[in-house]
Amino acid sequence: MSSVLYNLKDYDNAIDKLTISLELDMNNYNAWYMGGLILEQIDLSQESEKCFEISRELNKNYLSIRISQIENIPNEEKECLKLKH
């Protein structure tokens, strides 16, 4: 549900759904990861990184997920990312 809300850019409701999900299962690495994505979109980078860190600790496949996400970024956006570093 939170991923649908994320895709609709309804970040407030997505965070509400993730909060409920994490209250039920604090070890849900997908919820932590989605939380990181949402917080990234609303410019809460420190909080976003904390969520990604928790997801990484809970999920051994975290890095491959992030790499596949980066691989799906359009080329023009990849060029912008290179310029930022």
Protein backbone atom coordinates (compact mmCIF):
# COMPACT_ATOMS: atom_id res chain seq x y z
CA MET A 1 0.00 0.00 0.00
CA SER A 2 2.75 2.48 0.87
CA SER A 3 4.47 1.86 -2.48
CA VAL A 4 1.24 2.76 -4.29
CA LEU A 5 0.96 5.94 -2.23
CA TYR A 6 4.63 6.66 -2.92
CA ASN A 7 4.05 6.33 -6.68
CA LEU A 8 1.09 8.70 -6.33
CA LYS A 9 3.38 11.10 -4.42
CA ASP A 10 1.05 10.92 -1.42
CA TYR A 11 3.99 10.86 0.97
CA ASP A 12 2.10 11.75 4.15
CA ASN A 13 -0.29 8.83 3.84
CA ALA A 14 2.53 6.54 2.73
CA ILE A 15 4.43 7.38 5.93
CA ASP A 16 1.29 6.68 7.98
CA LYS A 17 0.95 3.21 6.40
CA LEU A 18 4.64 2.48 6.93
CA THR A 19 4.39 3.48 10.58
CA ILE A 20 1.61 0.95 11.06
CA SER A 21 3.59 -1.70 9.22
CA LEU A 22 6.67 -1.09 11.37
CA GLU A 23 4.59 -1.17 14.56
CA LEU A 24 3.57 -4.70 13.53
CA ASP A 25 7.06 -5.79 12.43
CA MET A 26 10.14 -3.68 13.20
CA ASN A 27 12.23 -6.14 11.17
CA ASN A 28 10.41 -5.39 7.92
CA TYR A 29 13.35 -4.26 5.81
CA ASN A 30 11.06 -3.39 2.88
CA ALA A 31 9.18 -0.92 5.06
CA TRP A 32 12.43 0.66 6.24
CA TYR A 33 13.64 0.88 2.64
CA MET A 34 10.36 2.43 1.45
CA GLY A 35 10.55 4.85 4.36
CA GLY A 36 13.99 5.88 3.16
CA LEU A 37 12.69 6.50 -0.35
CA ILE A 38 9.78 8.59 0.92
CA LEU A 39 11.90 10.64 3.30
CA GLU A 40 14.36 11.21 0.47
CA GLN A 41 11.54 12.70 -1.62
CA ILE A 42 10.52 15.15 1.09
CA ASP A 43 14.11 16.30 1.66
CA LEU A 44 14.69 14.60 5.00
CA SER A 45 18.05 13.15 4.01
CA GLN A 46 19.37 12.34 7.51
CA GLU A 47 16.20 10.45 8.38
CA SER A 48 16.24 8.81 4.96
CA GLU A 49 19.79 7.56 5.46
CA LYS A 50 18.86 6.14 8.87
CA CYS A 51 16.02 4.15 7.27
CA PHE A 52 18.34 2.88 4.53
CA GLU A 53 20.91 1.91 7.16
CA ILE A 54 18.35 -0.10 9.14
CA SER A 55 17.11 -1.76 5.95
CA ARG A 56 20.71 -2.60 5.03
CA GLU A 57 21.29 -4.18 8.44
CA LEU A 58 18.13 -6.28 8.15
CA ASN A 59 18.53 -7.32 4.52
CA LYS A 60 21.62 -8.95 3.10
CA ASN A 61 20.44 -8.13 -0.48
CA TYR A 62 20.13 -4.39 0.22
CA LEU A 63 23.07 -3.34 -1.92
CA SER A 64 21.85 -5.21 -5.00
CA ILE A 65 18.44 -3.53 -4.61
CA ARG A 66 20.02 -0.04 -4.52
CA ILE A 67 22.25 -0.86 -7.51
CA SER A 68 19.27 -2.05 -9.57
CA GLN A 69 17.43 1.13 -8.63
CA ILE A 70 20.33 3.26 -9.86
CA GLU A 71 20.57 1.22 -13.06
CA ASN A 72 16.95 2.13 -13.82
CA ILE A 73 17.60 5.89 -13.63
CA PRO A 74 17.34 7.54 -17.06
CA ASN A 75 20.73 8.42 -18.60
CA GLU A 76 20.23 12.17 -18.36
CA GLU A 77 19.61 11.87 -14.61
CA LYS A 78 22.72 9.68 -14.23
CA GLU A 79 24.74 12.47 -15.82
CA CYS A 80 23.36 14.91 -13.23
CA LEU A 81 24.37 12.53 -10.45
CA LYS A 82 27.93 12.40 -11.82
CA LEU A 83 28.10 16.18 -11.82
CA LYS A 84 27.07 16.37 -8.17
CA HIS A 85 30.06 14.27 -7.04
